[in-house]
């Protein structure tokens, strides 16, 4: 009985300390009226990012769950019922994520990216998200790297290169600068 009491007391004492170390950097309204928040725990090495939505907290970078990304936040923005953020974790790359709830299906959609430059434009439609990043790393010969998320197909693994900005078509285009 004493062990259970002692463990309960330690848990109660430690939980608030951990909760206090997590700071909300930004909270964004989503298309369905709910909110998504970008949280950070700071240390001497930088910030470790988390995302809170639907009452759950998860690591910010779910595409690489075994990696521990710690660095400096280079971008954190709410725009178009979307959360976009990027972390500088090792020169010269930034690791980032775009998150939104699809305005039609209400499903959480995500673009994961890792590039040398920060995103410049975000294209949004009911069926697709498109993130445009200047090609400063010259991994491909084209001027822009474009990450696409299709509602029915999800995100393609690699960005495509383009020499001109993609057509606006049915998209709402947001300048991220």
N, C-alpha and C. Protein backbone atom coordinates (compact mmCIF):
# COMPACT_ATOMS: atom_id res chain seq x y z
N UNK A 1 0.82 -1.19 0.00
CA UNK A 1 0.00 0.00 0.00
C UNK A 1 0.87 1.25 0.00
N UNK A 2 1.96 1.23 0.79
CA UNK A 2 2.84 2.39 0.83
C UNK A 2 3.48 2.66 -0.52
N UNK A 3 3.80 1.58 -1.27
CA UNK A 3 4.41 1.75 -2.59
C UNK A 3 3.44 2.44 -3.54
N UNK A 4 2.18 2.06 -3.52
CA UNK A 4 1.17 2.67 -4.39
C UNK A 4 1.01 4.15 -4.04
N UNK A 5 0.93 4.46 -2.76
CA UNK A 5 0.81 5.85 -2.32
C UNK A 5 2.03 6.66 -2.75
N UNK A 6 3.22 6.10 -2.56
CA UNK A 6 4.45 6.79 -2.92
C UNK A 6 4.51 7.04 -4.43
N UNK A 7 4.18 6.03 -5.24
CA UNK A 7 4.19 6.20 -6.70
C UNK A 7 3.14 7.22 -7.16
N UNK A 8 1.98 7.21 -6.53
CA UNK A 8 0.94 8.18 -6.87
C UNK A 8 1.39 9.60 -6.54
N UNK A 9 2.03 9.76 -5.40
CA UNK A 9 2.52 11.06 -4.98
C UNK A 9 3.60 11.56 -5.94
N UNK A 10 4.53 10.71 -6.34
CA UNK A 10 5.58 11.09 -7.30
C UNK A 10 4.97 11.49 -8.64
N UNK A 11 3.98 10.71 -9.10
CA UNK A 11 3.32 11.01 -10.37
C UNK A 11 2.63 12.36 -10.32
N UNK A 12 1.93 12.64 -9.25
CA UNK A 12 1.24 13.93 -9.11
C UNK A 12 2.23 15.09 -9.04
N UNK A 13 3.36 14.87 -8.41
CA UNK A 13 4.36 15.93 -8.28
C UNK A 13 5.09 16.17 -9.61
N UNK A 14 5.35 15.13 -10.36
CA UNK A 14 6.12 15.26 -11.60
C UNK A 14 5.28 15.74 -12.77
N UNK A 15 4.02 15.34 -12.84
CA UNK A 15 3.19 15.71 -13.98
C UNK A 15 3.08 17.23 -14.16
N UNK A 16 2.81 18.01 -13.11
CA UNK A 16 2.74 19.45 -13.31
C UNK A 16 4.08 20.04 -13.78
N UNK A 17 5.19 19.51 -13.32
CA UNK A 17 6.49 20.03 -13.75
C UNK A 17 6.67 19.80 -15.24
N UNK A 18 6.29 18.62 -15.74
CA UNK A 18 6.41 18.34 -17.17
C UNK A 18 5.44 19.21 -17.96
N UNK A 19 4.21 19.36 -17.47
CA UNK A 19 3.21 20.16 -18.17
C UNK A 19 3.63 21.63 -18.24
N UNK A 20 4.25 22.13 -17.19
CA UNK A 20 4.69 23.52 -17.18
C UNK A 20 5.85 23.75 -18.14
N UNK A 21 6.62 22.72 -18.43
CA UNK A 21 7.76 22.90 -19.32
C UNK A 21 7.31 22.97 -20.78
N UNK A 22 6.10 22.53 -21.07
CA UNK A 22 5.56 22.59 -22.43
C UNK A 22 4.86 23.93 -22.62
N UNK A 23 5.34 24.70 -23.57
CA UNK A 23 4.76 26.02 -23.84
C UNK A 23 4.01 26.00 -25.16
N UNK A 24 2.87 26.66 -25.20
CA UNK A 24 2.12 26.79 -26.44
C UNK A 24 2.74 27.93 -27.24
N UNK A 25 3.23 27.61 -28.43
CA UNK A 25 3.80 28.62 -29.31
C UNK A 25 2.73 29.29 -30.15
N UNK A 26 1.72 28.50 -30.53
CA UNK A 26 0.71 28.99 -31.45
C UNK A 26 -0.50 28.07 -31.41
N UNK A 27 -1.70 28.64 -31.44
CA UNK A 27 -2.93 27.85 -31.54
C UNK A 27 -3.72 28.37 -32.73
N UNK A 28 -4.11 27.46 -33.62
CA UNK A 28 -4.76 27.84 -34.87
C UNK A 28 -6.16 27.26 -34.96
N UNK A 29 -7.12 28.08 -35.41
CA UNK A 29 -8.45 27.53 -35.68
C UNK A 29 -8.44 26.75 -36.98
N UNK A 30 -9.12 25.61 -36.98
CA UNK A 30 -9.23 24.77 -38.18
C UNK A 30 -10.59 24.96 -38.83
N UNK A 31 -10.78 24.38 -39.99
CA UNK A 31 -11.99 24.60 -40.78
C UNK A 31 -13.27 24.12 -40.09
N UNK A 32 -13.15 23.15 -39.18
CA UNK A 32 -14.34 22.63 -38.50
C UNK A 32 -14.61 23.33 -37.16
N UNK A 33 -13.85 24.40 -36.85
CA UNK A 33 -14.05 25.14 -35.62
C UNK A 33 -13.20 24.66 -34.46
N UNK A 34 -12.53 23.52 -34.60
CA UNK A 34 -11.62 23.04 -33.55
C UNK A 34 -10.30 23.81 -33.67
N UNK A 35 -9.41 23.55 -32.72
CA UNK A 35 -8.10 24.20 -32.74
C UNK A 35 -6.99 23.17 -32.75
N UNK A 36 -5.86 23.58 -33.29
CA UNK A 36 -4.64 22.79 -33.26
C UNK A 36 -3.56 23.69 -32.68
N UNK A 37 -2.72 23.14 -31.82
CA UNK A 37 -1.71 23.95 -31.16
C UNK A 37 -0.32 23.38 -31.39
N UNK A 38 0.62 24.27 -31.57
CA UNK A 38 2.03 23.91 -31.66
C UNK A 38 2.65 24.16 -30.29
N UNK A 39 3.21 23.10 -29.70
CA UNK A 39 3.80 23.17 -28.37
C UNK A 39 5.30 22.95 -28.47
N UNK A 40 6.04 23.48 -27.50
CA UNK A 40 7.49 23.28 -27.49
C UNK A 40 7.99 23.07 -26.07
N UNK A 41 8.99 22.22 -25.97
CA UNK A 41 9.76 22.06 -24.74
C UNK A 41 11.15 22.57 -25.06
N UNK A 42 11.60 23.54 -24.30
CA UNK A 42 12.91 24.15 -24.54
C UNK A 42 13.99 23.50 -23.69
N UNK A 43 15.18 23.40 -24.29
CA UNK A 43 16.35 22.90 -23.57
C UNK A 43 17.55 23.70 -24.06
N UNK A 44 18.70 23.38 -23.54
CA UNK A 44 19.92 24.08 -23.96
C UNK A 44 20.22 23.85 -25.44
N UNK A 45 19.75 22.72 -26.00
CA UNK A 45 20.00 22.39 -27.41
C UNK A 45 18.98 23.01 -28.36
N UNK A 46 17.89 23.55 -27.85
CA UNK A 46 16.85 24.13 -28.70
C UNK A 46 15.48 23.70 -28.25
N UNK A 47 14.56 23.64 -29.19
CA UNK A 47 13.18 23.30 -28.87
C UNK A 47 12.80 21.96 -29.51
N UNK A 48 12.01 21.20 -28.77
CA UNK A 48 11.43 19.95 -29.24
C UNK A 48 9.94 20.23 -29.43
N UNK A 49 9.40 19.96 -30.62
CA UNK A 49 8.04 20.36 -30.95
C UNK A 49 7.04 19.23 -30.83
N UNK A 50 5.82 19.61 -30.46
CA UNK A 50 4.68 18.71 -30.34
C UNK A 50 3.46 19.40 -30.92
N UNK A 51 2.47 18.61 -31.28
CA UNK A 51 1.21 19.14 -31.79
C UNK A 51 0.09 18.59 -30.92
N UNK A 52 -0.84 19.48 -30.55
CA UNK A 52 -2.00 19.09 -29.75
C UNK A 52 -3.26 19.33 -30.57
N UNK A 53 -4.04 18.28 -30.78
CA UNK A 53 -5.32 18.40 -31.46
C UNK A 53 -6.23 17.27 -30.99
N UNK A 54 -7.52 17.54 -31.01
CA UNK A 54 -8.52 16.56 -30.57
C UNK A 54 -8.17 15.96 -29.21
N UNK A 55 -7.61 16.77 -28.31
CA UNK A 55 -7.29 16.33 -26.97
C UNK A 55 -6.05 15.46 -26.83
N UNK A 56 -5.33 15.24 -27.93
CA UNK A 56 -4.13 14.40 -27.90
C UNK A 56 -2.90 15.25 -28.18
N UNK A 57 -1.77 14.85 -27.59
CA UNK A 57 -0.48 15.48 -27.88
C UNK A 57 0.40 14.42 -28.52
N UNK A 58 0.99 14.78 -29.66
CA UNK A 58 1.91 13.86 -30.34
C UNK A 58 3.13 14.64 -30.82
N UNK A 59 4.19 13.90 -31.12
CA UNK A 59 5.38 14.54 -31.64
C UNK A 59 5.02 15.25 -32.94
N UNK A 60 5.70 16.33 -33.22
CA UNK A 60 5.38 17.13 -34.40
C UNK A 60 5.73 16.42 -35.70
N UNK A 61 6.76 15.58 -35.67
CA UNK A 61 7.27 14.97 -36.89
C UNK A 61 6.96 13.47 -36.90
N UNK A 62 5.74 13.14 -37.26
CA UNK A 62 5.29 11.74 -37.22
C UNK A 62 5.84 10.91 -38.37
N UNK A 63 6.40 11.55 -39.39
CA UNK A 63 6.96 10.78 -40.51
C UNK A 63 8.27 10.11 -40.14
N UNK A 64 8.92 10.57 -39.09
CA UNK A 64 10.18 9.99 -38.63
C UNK A 64 10.11 9.85 -37.11
N UNK A 65 9.27 8.94 -36.61
CA UNK A 65 9.01 8.87 -35.16
C UNK A 65 10.22 8.46 -34.32
N UNK A 66 11.21 7.81 -34.91
CA UNK A 66 12.37 7.38 -34.14
C UNK A 66 13.45 8.46 -34.03
N UNK A 67 13.28 9.56 -34.76
CA UNK A 67 14.24 10.65 -34.72
C UNK A 67 13.83 11.67 -33.67
N UNK A 68 14.81 12.30 -33.05
CA UNK A 68 14.55 13.34 -32.06
C UNK A 68 15.00 14.67 -32.64
N UNK A 69 14.07 15.44 -33.18
CA UNK A 69 14.39 16.72 -33.80
C UNK A 69 14.35 17.82 -32.74
N UNK A 70 15.49 18.46 -32.53
CA UNK A 70 15.62 19.57 -31.59
C UNK A 70 16.33 20.69 -32.33
N UNK A 71 15.79 21.91 -32.23
CA UNK A 71 16.42 23.03 -32.92
C UNK A 71 15.68 24.32 -32.66
N UNK A 72 15.80 25.24 -33.61
CA UNK A 72 15.19 26.56 -33.49
C UNK A 72 14.01 26.67 -34.45
N UNK A 73 12.89 27.16 -33.95
CA UNK A 73 11.71 27.35 -34.78
C UNK A 73 11.99 28.49 -35.75
N UNK A 74 11.89 28.20 -37.04
CA UNK A 74 12.13 29.20 -38.09
C UNK A 74 10.84 29.73 -38.68
N UNK A 75 9.76 28.96 -38.55
CA UNK A 75 8.47 29.36 -39.10
C UNK A 75 7.38 28.75 -38.24
N UNK A 76 6.40 29.55 -37.86
CA UNK A 76 5.21 29.08 -37.14
C UNK A 76 4.10 30.06 -37.49
N UNK A 77 3.10 29.56 -38.22
CA UNK A 77 2.08 30.46 -38.74
C UNK A 77 0.73 29.75 -38.84
N UNK A 78 -0.32 30.51 -38.52
CA UNK A 78 -1.69 30.09 -38.79
C UNK A 78 -2.15 30.86 -40.02
N UNK A 79 -2.62 30.15 -41.02
CA UNK A 79 -3.11 30.81 -42.23
C UNK A 79 -4.04 29.89 -42.98
N UNK A 80 -5.15 30.40 -43.45
CA UNK A 80 -6.08 29.59 -44.23
C UNK A 80 -6.59 28.37 -43.48
N UNK A 81 -6.88 28.49 -42.19
CA UNK A 81 -7.32 27.36 -41.34
C UNK A 81 -6.29 26.23 -41.37
N UNK A 82 -5.02 26.62 -41.43
CA UNK A 82 -3.90 25.68 -41.54
C UNK A 82 -2.80 26.10 -40.58
N UNK A 83 -2.11 25.13 -39.99
CA UNK A 83 -0.91 25.37 -39.19
C UNK A 83 0.29 24.94 -40.01
N UNK A 84 1.27 25.82 -40.13
CA UNK A 84 2.52 25.48 -40.81
C UNK A 84 3.67 25.89 -39.91
N UNK A 85 4.65 24.99 -39.78
CA UNK A 85 5.81 25.30 -38.96
C UNK A 85 7.04 24.60 -39.51
N UNK A 86 8.20 25.14 -39.16
CA UNK A 86 9.48 24.56 -39.58
C UNK A 86 10.50 24.76 -38.49
N UNK A 87 11.35 23.76 -38.32
CA UNK A 87 12.38 23.74 -37.29
C UNK A 87 13.74 23.59 -37.96
N UNK A 88 14.67 24.45 -37.62
CA UNK A 88 16.05 24.31 -38.10
C UNK A 88 16.74 23.35 -37.15
N UNK A 89 17.05 22.15 -37.63
CA UNK A 89 17.57 21.10 -36.75
C UNK A 89 19.00 20.71 -37.04
N UNK A 90 19.55 21.20 -38.12
CA UNK A 90 20.93 20.87 -38.47
C UNK A 90 21.25 21.56 -39.77
N UNK A 91 22.23 22.38 -39.73
CA UNK A 91 22.56 23.20 -40.88
C UNK A 91 22.74 22.34 -42.12
N UNK A 92 22.21 22.74 -43.21
CA UNK A 92 21.36 23.92 -43.47
C UNK A 92 19.88 23.58 -43.57
N UNK A 93 19.45 22.41 -43.12
CA UNK A 93 18.09 21.97 -43.38
C UNK A 93 17.08 22.45 -42.35
N UNK A 94 15.84 22.58 -42.82
CA UNK A 94 14.70 22.80 -41.93
C UNK A 94 13.74 21.63 -42.15
N UNK A 95 13.11 21.21 -41.07
CA UNK A 95 12.12 20.13 -41.11
C UNK A 95 10.80 20.77 -40.75
N UNK A 96 9.78 20.51 -41.55
CA UNK A 96 8.52 21.18 -41.29
C UNK A 96 7.30 20.35 -41.61
N UNK A 97 6.15 20.94 -41.24
CA UNK A 97 4.87 20.26 -41.40
C UNK A 97 3.80 21.31 -41.71
N UNK A 98 2.86 20.92 -42.57
CA UNK A 98 1.63 21.68 -42.81
C UNK A 98 0.49 20.79 -42.34
N UNK A 99 -0.41 21.32 -41.51
CA UNK A 99 -1.54 20.56 -40.98
C UNK A 99 -2.84 21.33 -41.17
N UNK A 100 -3.86 20.62 -41.61
CA UNK A 100 -5.20 21.20 -41.69
C UNK A 100 -6.22 20.08 -41.60
N UNK A 101 -7.45 20.44 -41.25
CA UNK A 101 -8.56 19.51 -41.37
C UNK A 101 -9.22 19.83 -42.70
N UNK A 102 -9.40 18.78 -43.51
CA UNK A 102 -10.02 18.97 -44.81
C UNK A 102 -11.39 19.61 -44.62
N UNK A 103 -11.68 20.69 -45.37
CA UNK A 103 -12.96 21.39 -45.17
C UNK A 103 -14.18 20.56 -45.52
N UNK A 104 -14.03 19.52 -46.31
CA UNK A 104 -15.16 18.67 -46.69
C UNK A 104 -15.25 17.42 -45.82
N UNK A 105 -14.15 16.67 -45.73
CA UNK A 105 -14.18 15.39 -45.01
C UNK A 105 -13.87 15.52 -43.52
N UNK A 106 -13.29 16.63 -43.10
CA UNK A 106 -12.90 16.87 -41.70
C UNK A 106 -11.77 15.95 -41.23
N UNK A 107 -11.05 15.34 -42.17
CA UNK A 107 -9.92 14.47 -41.87
C UNK A 107 -8.66 15.33 -41.76
N UNK A 108 -7.82 15.03 -40.77
CA UNK A 108 -6.56 15.76 -40.62
C UNK A 108 -5.62 15.40 -41.76
N UNK A 109 -5.11 16.41 -42.45
CA UNK A 109 -4.19 16.21 -43.57
C UNK A 109 -2.85 16.83 -43.21
N UNK A 110 -1.77 16.24 -43.76
CA UNK A 110 -0.42 16.63 -43.36
C UNK A 110 0.53 16.58 -44.56
N UNK A 111 1.34 17.63 -44.69
CA UNK A 111 2.48 17.62 -45.60
C UNK A 111 3.73 17.69 -44.73
N UNK A 112 4.64 16.74 -44.91
CA UNK A 112 5.93 16.75 -44.24
C UNK A 112 6.97 17.20 -45.25
N UNK A 113 7.88 18.08 -44.83
CA UNK A 113 8.91 18.53 -45.75
C UNK A 113 10.23 18.73 -45.01
N UNK A 114 11.31 18.66 -45.77
CA UNK A 114 12.66 18.94 -45.25
C UNK A 114 13.46 19.52 -46.40
N UNK A 115 13.79 20.81 -46.31
CA UNK A 115 14.51 21.50 -47.38
C UNK A 115 15.43 22.55 -46.78
N UNK A 116 16.26 23.13 -47.61
CA UNK A 116 17.18 24.18 -47.16
C UNK A 116 16.49 25.52 -47.02
N UNK A 117 15.49 25.79 -47.85
CA UNK A 117 14.76 27.06 -47.80
C UNK A 117 13.42 26.86 -47.09
N UNK A 118 12.88 27.96 -46.61
CA UNK A 118 11.55 27.93 -46.01
C UNK A 118 10.50 27.99 -47.11
N UNK A 119 9.30 27.44 -46.85
CA UNK A 119 8.23 27.50 -47.84
C UNK A 119 7.87 28.94 -48.19
N UNK A 120 7.46 29.13 -49.44
CA UNK A 120 7.12 30.48 -49.93
C UNK A 120 5.62 30.63 -50.18
N UNK A 121 4.98 29.60 -50.74
CA UNK A 121 3.55 29.66 -51.04
C UNK A 121 2.86 28.38 -50.59
N UNK A 122 1.61 28.55 -50.15
CA UNK A 122 0.74 27.42 -49.81
C UNK A 122 -0.51 27.53 -50.66
N UNK A 123 -0.76 26.51 -51.46
CA UNK A 123 -1.95 26.45 -52.31
C UNK A 123 -2.96 25.53 -51.62
N UNK A 124 -4.20 26.02 -51.47
CA UNK A 124 -5.23 25.23 -50.80
C UNK A 124 -6.49 25.10 -51.65
N UNK A 125 -7.04 23.91 -51.69
CA UNK A 125 -8.35 23.66 -52.28
C UNK A 125 -9.02 22.59 -51.43
N UNK A 126 -10.26 22.28 -51.73
CA UNK A 126 -10.96 21.26 -50.95
C UNK A 126 -10.34 19.88 -51.11
N UNK A 127 -9.72 19.63 -52.24
CA UNK A 127 -9.16 18.31 -52.53
C UNK A 127 -7.65 18.22 -52.44
N UNK A 128 -6.97 19.35 -52.30
CA UNK A 128 -5.51 19.30 -52.41
C UNK A 128 -4.85 20.43 -51.62
N UNK A 129 -3.65 20.13 -51.11
CA UNK A 129 -2.74 21.14 -50.56
C UNK A 129 -1.46 21.04 -51.39
N UNK A 130 -0.85 22.18 -51.63
CA UNK A 130 0.39 22.21 -52.40
C UNK A 130 1.31 23.23 -51.71
N UNK A 131 2.52 22.80 -51.39
CA UNK A 131 3.49 23.66 -50.73
C UNK A 131 4.64 23.92 -51.70
N UNK A 132 4.95 25.20 -51.92
CA UNK A 132 5.98 25.59 -52.87
C UNK A 132 7.17 26.18 -52.10
N UNK A 133 8.36 25.61 -52.37
CA UNK A 133 9.58 26.02 -51.69
C UNK A 133 10.63 26.37 -52.74
N UNK A 134 11.28 27.54 -52.60
CA UNK A 134 12.38 27.85 -53.53
C UNK A 134 13.48 26.79 -53.42
N UNK A 135 14.04 26.41 -54.54
CA UNK A 135 15.07 25.37 -54.57
C UNK A 135 16.44 25.99 -54.32
N UNK A 136 16.77 26.19 -53.06
CA UNK A 136 18.07 26.75 -52.71
C UNK A 136 19.15 25.69 -52.56
N UNK A 137 18.74 24.45 -52.46
CA UNK A 137 19.71 23.37 -52.31
C UNK A 137 20.17 22.78 -53.62
N UNK A 138 19.45 23.09 -54.68
CA UNK A 138 19.78 22.63 -56.03
C UNK A 138 19.88 21.11 -56.11
N UNK A 139 19.00 20.42 -55.38
CA UNK A 139 18.93 18.97 -55.48
C UNK A 139 18.36 18.54 -56.82
N UNK A 140 17.55 19.42 -57.41
CA UNK A 140 16.99 19.22 -58.75
C UNK A 140 17.32 20.48 -59.56
N UNK A 141 17.31 20.40 -60.89
CA UNK A 141 17.67 21.57 -61.68
C UNK A 141 16.61 22.67 -61.71
N UNK A 142 15.36 22.36 -61.32
CA UNK A 142 14.28 23.35 -61.40
C UNK A 142 14.37 24.38 -60.27
N UNK A 143 13.62 25.47 -60.45
CA UNK A 143 13.66 26.61 -59.52
C UNK A 143 12.84 26.40 -58.25
N UNK A 144 11.77 25.60 -58.32
CA UNK A 144 10.89 25.39 -57.17
C UNK A 144 10.72 23.91 -56.87
N UNK A 145 10.58 23.60 -55.59
CA UNK A 145 10.22 22.26 -55.13
C UNK A 145 8.77 22.32 -54.67
N UNK A 146 7.94 21.39 -55.13
CA UNK A 146 6.52 21.41 -54.82
C UNK A 146 6.12 20.09 -54.17
N UNK A 147 5.60 20.21 -52.96
CA UNK A 147 5.04 19.07 -52.22
C UNK A 147 3.53 19.10 -52.41
N UNK A 148 2.96 17.97 -52.80
CA UNK A 148 1.52 17.87 -53.02
C UNK A 148 0.88 16.90 -52.04
N UNK A 149 -0.30 17.26 -51.57
CA UNK A 149 -1.13 16.36 -50.78
C UNK A 149 -2.48 16.29 -51.47
N UNK A 150 -2.89 15.09 -51.86
CA UNK A 150 -4.19 14.86 -52.48
C UNK A 150 -5.08 14.15 -51.47
N UNK A 151 -6.27 14.65 -51.26
CA UNK A 151 -7.17 14.11 -50.23
C UNK A 151 -7.36 12.61 -50.34
N UNK A 152 -7.46 12.08 -51.52
CA UNK A 152 -7.71 10.64 -51.66
C UNK A 152 -6.42 9.83 -51.73
N UNK A 153 -5.29 10.47 -52.03
CA UNK A 153 -4.04 9.74 -52.23
C UNK A 153 -2.99 10.03 -51.17
N UNK A 154 -3.18 11.06 -50.39
CA UNK A 154 -2.23 11.52 -49.38
C UNK A 154 -1.02 12.19 -50.03
N UNK A 155 0.07 12.32 -49.30
CA UNK A 155 1.25 13.03 -49.77
C UNK A 155 2.16 12.12 -50.58
N UNK A 156 2.66 12.66 -51.68
CA UNK A 156 3.69 11.91 -52.40
C UNK A 156 4.98 11.97 -51.58
N UNK A 157 5.83 10.99 -51.76
CA UNK A 157 7.04 10.90 -50.95
C UNK A 157 8.06 12.00 -51.25
N UNK A 158 8.18 12.37 -52.50
CA UNK A 158 9.20 13.34 -52.90
C UNK A 158 8.56 14.56 -53.56
N UNK A 159 9.19 15.73 -53.40
CA UNK A 159 8.66 16.90 -54.09
C UNK A 159 9.00 16.81 -55.59
N UNK A 160 8.23 17.55 -56.38
CA UNK A 160 8.51 17.65 -57.80
C UNK A 160 9.15 19.00 -58.07
N UNK A 161 10.01 19.06 -59.07
CA UNK A 161 10.65 20.31 -59.44
C UNK A 161 9.89 21.01 -60.55
N UNK A 162 9.80 22.35 -60.45
CA UNK A 162 9.16 23.19 -61.47
C UNK A 162 10.01 24.43 -61.68
N UNK A 163 10.03 24.93 -62.92
CA UNK A 163 10.74 26.17 -63.22
C UNK A 163 9.85 27.40 -63.06
N UNK A 164 8.54 27.21 -63.09
CA UNK A 164 7.59 28.30 -62.90
C UNK A 164 6.66 27.91 -61.76
N UNK A 165 6.04 28.92 -61.16
CA UNK A 165 5.09 28.63 -60.09
C UNK A 165 3.90 27.85 -60.65
N UNK A 166 3.37 26.90 -59.89
CA UNK A 166 2.21 26.15 -60.37
C UNK A 166 1.02 27.08 -60.63
N UNK A 167 0.17 26.68 -61.55
CA UNK A 167 -1.03 27.44 -61.89
C UNK A 167 -1.94 27.54 -60.67
N UNK A 168 -2.54 28.71 -60.48
CA UNK A 168 -3.44 28.89 -59.34
C UNK A 168 -4.72 28.10 -59.48
N UNK A 169 -5.23 27.95 -60.68
CA UNK A 169 -6.43 27.16 -60.92
C UNK A 169 -7.51 27.39 -59.89
N UNK A 170 -7.94 26.34 -59.24
CA UNK A 170 -9.01 26.40 -58.23
C UNK A 170 -8.47 26.62 -56.81
N UNK A 171 -7.20 26.92 -56.69
CA UNK A 171 -6.57 27.07 -55.39
C UNK A 171 -6.72 28.48 -54.82
N UNK A 172 -6.73 28.55 -53.51
CA UNK A 172 -6.48 29.81 -52.82
C UNK A 172 -4.97 29.79 -52.54
N UNK A 173 -4.26 30.82 -52.96
CA UNK A 173 -2.80 30.85 -52.81
C UNK A 173 -2.44 31.81 -51.69
N UNK A 174 -1.68 31.32 -50.73
CA UNK A 174 -1.26 32.11 -49.57
C UNK A 174 0.24 32.35 -49.66
N UNK A 175 0.62 33.62 -49.62
CA UNK A 175 2.04 34.00 -49.61
C UNK A 175 2.53 33.87 -48.17
N UNK A 176 3.49 33.02 -47.94
CA UNK A 176 3.97 32.74 -46.58
C UNK A 176 5.06 33.68 -46.10
N UNK A 177 5.50 34.56 -46.96
CA UNK A 177 6.56 35.48 -46.55
C UNK A 177 6.07 36.57 -45.66
